[in-house]
């Protein structure tokens, strides 16, 4: 599978509810962009704990299901990016903390433009 973006020491926060917003996932997340989807998932060593805590941080988001990609400023050495998407008929939001946020945004925006033309 072709990878347009990969970061394996990211952080993420599901904006699903107050419980998921409290989670700290610094350096625990992997974010990948392929021509088909964005994959957000915990690193294998932390996956069981995040699933146990129901943090809603394991997503494969098809590019057509992405509604918006919005930069949200900086936090420490990370750029914050809010991803809004549709999953199971519901709108969801995830906040990603990426060291290469601009590269992520450019890759996803490029794919979204291709899909809309």
N, C-alpha and C. Protein backbone atom coordinates (compact mmCIF):
# COMPACT_ATOMS: atom_id res chain seq x y z
N UNK A 1 0.84 -1.18 0.00
CA UNK A 1 0.00 0.00 0.00
C UNK A 1 0.89 1.25 0.00
N UNK A 2 0.55 2.20 -0.81
CA UNK A 2 1.28 3.46 -0.91
C UNK A 2 0.96 4.31 0.31
N UNK A 3 2.00 4.85 0.94
CA UNK A 3 1.84 5.72 2.09
C UNK A 3 2.25 7.12 1.71
N UNK A 4 1.35 8.08 1.89
CA UNK A 4 1.64 9.47 1.58
C UNK A 4 2.12 10.23 2.81
N UNK A 5 1.83 9.68 3.98
CA UNK A 5 2.22 10.30 5.25
C UNK A 5 2.26 9.21 6.31
N UNK A 6 3.25 9.30 7.21
CA UNK A 6 3.32 8.37 8.34
C UNK A 6 4.03 9.06 9.50
N UNK A 7 3.40 8.99 10.66
CA UNK A 7 4.04 9.48 11.88
C UNK A 7 3.72 8.47 12.98
N UNK A 8 4.76 7.96 13.63
CA UNK A 8 4.53 6.91 14.62
C UNK A 8 4.74 7.37 16.06
N UNK A 9 4.88 8.65 16.28
CA UNK A 9 4.99 9.15 17.65
C UNK A 9 4.07 10.35 17.85
N UNK A 10 2.88 10.22 17.31
CA UNK A 10 1.88 11.28 17.40
C UNK A 10 1.07 11.13 18.69
N UNK A 11 0.17 12.06 18.88
CA UNK A 11 -0.81 11.98 19.96
C UNK A 11 -2.17 12.25 19.33
N UNK A 12 -3.22 11.80 20.01
CA UNK A 12 -4.57 12.03 19.50
C UNK A 12 -5.54 12.12 20.66
N UNK A 13 -6.66 12.75 20.37
CA UNK A 13 -7.70 12.92 21.36
C UNK A 13 -9.04 12.85 20.64
N UNK A 14 -9.87 11.89 21.03
CA UNK A 14 -11.21 11.83 20.48
C UNK A 14 -12.05 12.91 21.14
N UNK A 15 -12.84 13.61 20.35
CA UNK A 15 -13.71 14.65 20.89
C UNK A 15 -15.13 14.12 21.08
N UNK A 16 -15.24 12.81 21.21
CA UNK A 16 -16.53 12.13 21.33
C UNK A 16 -17.29 12.54 22.60
N UNK A 17 -16.60 12.60 23.73
CA UNK A 17 -17.25 12.95 24.99
C UNK A 17 -16.20 13.43 26.00
N UNK A 18 -16.64 13.79 27.18
CA UNK A 18 -15.70 14.33 28.18
C UNK A 18 -14.67 13.29 28.61
N UNK A 19 -15.04 12.02 28.66
CA UNK A 19 -14.10 10.96 29.04
C UNK A 19 -12.96 10.86 28.02
N UNK A 20 -13.29 10.80 26.74
CA UNK A 20 -12.26 10.64 25.71
C UNK A 20 -11.39 11.88 25.58
N UNK A 21 -11.93 13.03 25.93
CA UNK A 21 -11.15 14.28 25.86
C UNK A 21 -10.06 14.35 26.93
N UNK A 22 -10.20 13.58 28.00
CA UNK A 22 -9.24 13.63 29.10
C UNK A 22 -7.98 12.80 28.85
N UNK A 23 -8.01 11.93 27.88
CA UNK A 23 -6.91 11.00 27.65
C UNK A 23 -5.64 11.70 27.20
N UNK A 24 -4.52 11.24 27.71
CA UNK A 24 -3.22 11.72 27.27
C UNK A 24 -2.55 10.59 26.48
N UNK A 25 -2.23 10.85 25.23
CA UNK A 25 -1.68 9.80 24.37
C UNK A 25 -0.36 10.22 23.72
N UNK A 26 0.38 11.07 24.36
CA UNK A 26 1.64 11.59 23.79
C UNK A 26 2.54 10.43 23.38
N UNK A 27 2.99 10.46 22.15
CA UNK A 27 3.88 9.48 21.50
C UNK A 27 3.31 8.07 21.43
N UNK A 28 2.03 7.90 21.67
CA UNK A 28 1.41 6.57 21.67
C UNK A 28 0.65 6.23 20.39
N UNK A 29 0.53 7.19 19.47
CA UNK A 29 -0.34 7.00 18.32
C UNK A 29 0.44 6.94 17.00
N UNK A 30 -0.14 6.21 16.06
CA UNK A 30 0.37 6.17 14.69
C UNK A 30 -0.70 6.78 13.78
N UNK A 31 -0.25 7.61 12.85
CA UNK A 31 -1.15 8.22 11.89
C UNK A 31 -0.57 7.96 10.50
N UNK A 32 -1.40 7.38 9.63
CA UNK A 32 -0.97 7.08 8.26
C UNK A 32 -1.99 7.66 7.29
N UNK A 33 -1.49 8.11 6.15
CA UNK A 33 -2.36 8.54 5.06
C UNK A 33 -1.97 7.75 3.83
N UNK A 34 -2.95 7.06 3.25
CA UNK A 34 -2.78 6.37 1.98
C UNK A 34 -3.75 7.00 1.00
N UNK A 35 -3.67 6.66 -0.27
CA UNK A 35 -4.63 7.24 -1.22
C UNK A 35 -6.09 6.89 -0.91
N UNK A 36 -6.30 5.86 -0.09
CA UNK A 36 -7.65 5.40 0.22
C UNK A 36 -8.20 5.91 1.55
N UNK A 37 -7.31 6.10 2.56
CA UNK A 37 -7.82 6.36 3.90
C UNK A 37 -6.77 7.00 4.81
N UNK A 38 -7.28 7.57 5.89
CA UNK A 38 -6.44 7.96 7.03
C UNK A 38 -6.59 6.85 8.06
N UNK A 39 -5.48 6.37 8.59
CA UNK A 39 -5.51 5.38 9.66
C UNK A 39 -4.95 6.03 10.91
N UNK A 40 -5.75 6.00 11.97
CA UNK A 40 -5.34 6.50 13.28
C UNK A 40 -5.45 5.32 14.22
N UNK A 41 -4.33 4.96 14.84
CA UNK A 41 -4.39 3.82 15.74
C UNK A 41 -3.30 3.93 16.80
N UNK A 42 -3.54 3.30 17.94
CA UNK A 42 -2.51 3.28 18.97
C UNK A 42 -1.34 2.39 18.56
N UNK A 43 -0.16 2.71 19.05
CA UNK A 43 0.98 1.82 18.84
C UNK A 43 0.63 0.49 19.51
N UNK A 44 1.16 -0.59 18.99
CA UNK A 44 0.74 -1.92 19.44
C UNK A 44 0.89 -2.11 20.95
N UNK A 45 1.91 -1.53 21.56
CA UNK A 45 2.12 -1.71 22.99
C UNK A 45 1.04 -1.04 23.84
N UNK A 46 0.32 -0.07 23.29
CA UNK A 46 -0.70 0.66 24.04
C UNK A 46 -2.13 0.35 23.60
N UNK A 47 -2.29 -0.41 22.54
CA UNK A 47 -3.62 -0.64 21.96
C UNK A 47 -4.59 -1.26 22.96
N UNK A 48 -4.14 -2.26 23.70
CA UNK A 48 -5.03 -2.94 24.64
C UNK A 48 -5.57 -1.98 25.70
N UNK A 49 -4.70 -1.08 26.19
CA UNK A 49 -5.12 -0.15 27.24
C UNK A 49 -6.12 0.87 26.68
N UNK A 50 -5.87 1.38 25.50
CA UNK A 50 -6.78 2.36 24.91
C UNK A 50 -8.12 1.74 24.58
N UNK A 51 -8.11 0.47 24.15
CA UNK A 51 -9.37 -0.23 23.90
C UNK A 51 -10.12 -0.45 25.22
N UNK A 52 -9.39 -0.87 26.25
CA UNK A 52 -9.99 -1.11 27.56
C UNK A 52 -10.64 0.16 28.12
N UNK A 53 -10.00 1.30 27.91
CA UNK A 53 -10.51 2.58 28.41
C UNK A 53 -11.54 3.22 27.48
N UNK A 54 -11.83 2.58 26.35
CA UNK A 54 -12.82 3.07 25.38
C UNK A 54 -12.52 4.51 24.94
N UNK A 55 -11.28 4.75 24.51
CA UNK A 55 -10.86 6.10 24.14
C UNK A 55 -11.21 6.50 22.71
N UNK A 56 -11.79 5.59 21.94
CA UNK A 56 -12.26 5.90 20.58
C UNK A 56 -11.13 6.45 19.70
N UNK A 57 -9.98 5.75 19.73
CA UNK A 57 -8.82 6.22 18.98
C UNK A 57 -8.28 5.16 18.01
N UNK A 58 -9.15 4.39 17.44
CA UNK A 58 -8.75 3.40 16.45
C UNK A 58 -9.68 3.55 15.25
N UNK A 59 -9.19 4.25 14.22
CA UNK A 59 -10.05 4.57 13.08
C UNK A 59 -9.33 4.34 11.76
N UNK A 60 -10.06 3.80 10.80
CA UNK A 60 -9.65 3.81 9.40
C UNK A 60 -10.73 4.62 8.70
N UNK A 61 -10.34 5.80 8.25
CA UNK A 61 -11.31 6.77 7.71
C UNK A 61 -11.14 6.86 6.19
N UNK A 62 -12.07 6.32 5.43
CA UNK A 62 -11.98 6.47 3.97
C UNK A 62 -11.97 7.95 3.59
N UNK A 63 -11.17 8.30 2.61
CA UNK A 63 -11.04 9.71 2.20
C UNK A 63 -12.40 10.36 1.90
N UNK A 64 -13.33 9.67 1.21
CA UNK A 64 -14.64 10.31 0.96
C UNK A 64 -15.44 10.62 2.22
N UNK A 65 -15.12 9.97 3.35
CA UNK A 65 -15.86 10.19 4.60
C UNK A 65 -15.31 11.37 5.41
N UNK A 66 -14.23 11.97 4.96
CA UNK A 66 -13.65 13.12 5.66
C UNK A 66 -14.42 14.37 5.27
N UNK A 67 -14.87 15.10 6.29
CA UNK A 67 -15.59 16.35 6.04
C UNK A 67 -14.65 17.54 6.06
N UNK A 68 -13.80 17.64 7.10
CA UNK A 68 -12.87 18.77 7.20
C UNK A 68 -11.57 18.35 7.87
N UNK A 69 -10.52 19.07 7.52
CA UNK A 69 -9.21 18.98 8.16
C UNK A 69 -8.85 20.42 8.51
N UNK A 70 -8.81 20.72 9.82
CA UNK A 70 -8.60 22.10 10.23
C UNK A 70 -7.42 22.23 11.19
N UNK A 71 -6.43 23.06 10.85
CA UNK A 71 -5.35 23.32 11.80
C UNK A 71 -5.91 24.05 13.02
N UNK A 72 -5.40 23.69 14.20
CA UNK A 72 -5.89 24.27 15.45
C UNK A 72 -4.77 24.90 16.28
N UNK A 73 -3.68 25.26 15.64
CA UNK A 73 -2.58 25.90 16.35
C UNK A 73 -1.51 24.92 16.80
N UNK A 74 -0.73 25.32 17.75
CA UNK A 74 0.41 24.53 18.22
C UNK A 74 0.24 24.16 19.68
N UNK A 75 0.83 23.05 20.06
CA UNK A 75 0.93 22.65 21.45
C UNK A 75 2.30 22.01 21.61
N UNK A 76 3.15 22.61 22.39
CA UNK A 76 4.53 22.15 22.57
C UNK A 76 5.18 22.07 21.19
N UNK A 77 5.72 20.92 20.81
CA UNK A 77 6.36 20.76 19.49
C UNK A 77 5.41 20.16 18.47
N UNK A 78 4.14 20.09 18.80
CA UNK A 78 3.14 19.48 17.92
C UNK A 78 2.23 20.53 17.30
N UNK A 79 1.83 20.27 16.05
CA UNK A 79 0.76 21.04 15.44
C UNK A 79 -0.53 20.28 15.67
N UNK A 80 -1.58 20.98 16.06
CA UNK A 80 -2.87 20.34 16.31
C UNK A 80 -3.72 20.43 15.05
N UNK A 81 -4.35 19.29 14.69
CA UNK A 81 -5.20 19.23 13.51
C UNK A 81 -6.50 18.52 13.89
N UNK A 82 -7.62 19.19 13.65
CA UNK A 82 -8.92 18.58 13.92
C UNK A 82 -9.42 17.91 12.65
N UNK A 83 -9.75 16.63 12.75
CA UNK A 83 -10.28 15.85 11.64
C UNK A 83 -11.74 15.55 11.94
N UNK A 84 -12.63 16.01 11.06
CA UNK A 84 -14.05 15.72 11.19
C UNK A 84 -14.41 14.74 10.08
N UNK A 85 -15.10 13.66 10.47
CA UNK A 85 -15.44 12.61 9.51
C UNK A 85 -16.76 11.95 9.89
N UNK A 86 -17.28 11.16 8.97
CA UNK A 86 -18.52 10.42 9.20
C UNK A 86 -18.17 8.96 9.38
N UNK A 87 -18.71 8.36 10.44
CA UNK A 87 -18.50 6.94 10.72
C UNK A 87 -19.80 6.36 11.26
N UNK A 88 -20.31 5.32 10.59
CA UNK A 88 -21.57 4.72 11.03
C UNK A 88 -22.73 5.69 11.01
N UNK A 89 -22.71 6.61 10.08
CA UNK A 89 -23.78 7.59 9.96
C UNK A 89 -23.69 8.75 10.95
N UNK A 90 -22.67 8.75 11.80
CA UNK A 90 -22.50 9.82 12.78
C UNK A 90 -21.25 10.65 12.48
N UNK A 91 -21.34 11.93 12.76
CA UNK A 91 -20.18 12.79 12.62
C UNK A 91 -19.29 12.62 13.85
N UNK A 92 -17.98 12.44 13.62
CA UNK A 92 -17.00 12.30 14.70
C UNK A 92 -15.88 13.30 14.47
N UNK A 93 -15.20 13.62 15.58
CA UNK A 93 -14.05 14.52 15.50
C UNK A 93 -12.91 13.93 16.32
N UNK A 94 -11.71 14.03 15.75
CA UNK A 94 -10.50 13.61 16.42
C UNK A 94 -9.50 14.74 16.30
N UNK A 95 -8.82 15.03 17.39
CA UNK A 95 -7.77 16.04 17.38
C UNK A 95 -6.44 15.31 17.35
N UNK A 96 -5.65 15.57 16.31
CA UNK A 96 -4.34 14.94 16.16
C UNK A 96 -3.26 15.94 16.54
N UNK A 97 -2.24 15.45 17.21
CA UNK A 97 -1.06 16.25 17.56
C UNK A 97 0.11 15.66 16.76
N UNK A 98 0.56 16.39 15.76
CA UNK A 98 1.54 15.87 14.81
C UNK A 98 2.78 16.76 14.75
N UNK A 99 3.92 16.14 14.65
CA UNK A 99 5.16 16.91 14.46
C UNK A 99 5.23 17.46 13.04
N UNK A 100 4.65 16.75 12.10
CA UNK A 100 4.64 17.17 10.69
C UNK A 100 3.21 17.47 10.25
N UNK A 101 2.56 18.35 10.98
CA UNK A 101 1.15 18.65 10.72
C UNK A 101 0.91 19.22 9.32
N UNK A 102 1.80 20.07 8.86
CA UNK A 102 1.61 20.67 7.53
C UNK A 102 1.65 19.60 6.43
N UNK A 103 2.55 18.65 6.55
CA UNK A 103 2.64 17.56 5.57
C UNK A 103 1.36 16.72 5.58
N UNK A 104 0.82 16.45 6.76
CA UNK A 104 -0.43 15.71 6.90
C UNK A 104 -1.58 16.46 6.22
N UNK A 105 -1.72 17.74 6.55
CA UNK A 105 -2.80 18.55 5.99
C UNK A 105 -2.71 18.61 4.48
N UNK A 106 -1.51 18.83 3.95
CA UNK A 106 -1.33 18.91 2.50
C UNK A 106 -1.69 17.59 1.82
N UNK A 107 -1.26 16.47 2.41
CA UNK A 107 -1.55 15.15 1.82
C UNK A 107 -3.06 14.89 1.78
N UNK A 108 -3.74 15.14 2.89
CA UNK A 108 -5.18 14.87 2.95
C UNK A 108 -5.96 15.84 2.06
N UNK A 109 -5.62 17.11 2.09
CA UNK A 109 -6.32 18.08 1.23
C UNK A 109 -6.17 17.72 -0.24
N UNK A 110 -5.00 17.28 -0.64
CA UNK A 110 -4.76 16.87 -2.02
C UNK A 110 -5.69 15.70 -2.41
N UNK A 111 -5.81 14.74 -1.51
CA UNK A 111 -6.69 13.59 -1.78
C UNK A 111 -8.16 13.99 -1.82
N UNK A 112 -8.54 14.90 -0.95
CA UNK A 112 -9.94 15.35 -0.92
C UNK A 112 -10.28 16.12 -2.20
N UNK A 113 -9.33 16.90 -2.70
CA UNK A 113 -9.57 17.64 -3.96
C UNK A 113 -9.71 16.69 -5.13
N UNK A 114 -8.88 15.63 -5.16
CA UNK A 114 -8.99 14.64 -6.24
C UNK A 114 -10.35 13.96 -6.22
N UNK A 115 -10.84 13.68 -5.03
CA UNK A 115 -12.12 12.99 -4.90
C UNK A 115 -13.31 13.86 -5.28
N UNK A 116 -13.16 15.17 -5.15
CA UNK A 116 -14.28 16.07 -5.45
C UNK A 116 -14.31 16.51 -6.91
N UNK A 117 -13.23 16.19 -7.64
CA UNK A 117 -13.22 16.63 -9.05
C UNK A 117 -13.67 15.53 -9.98
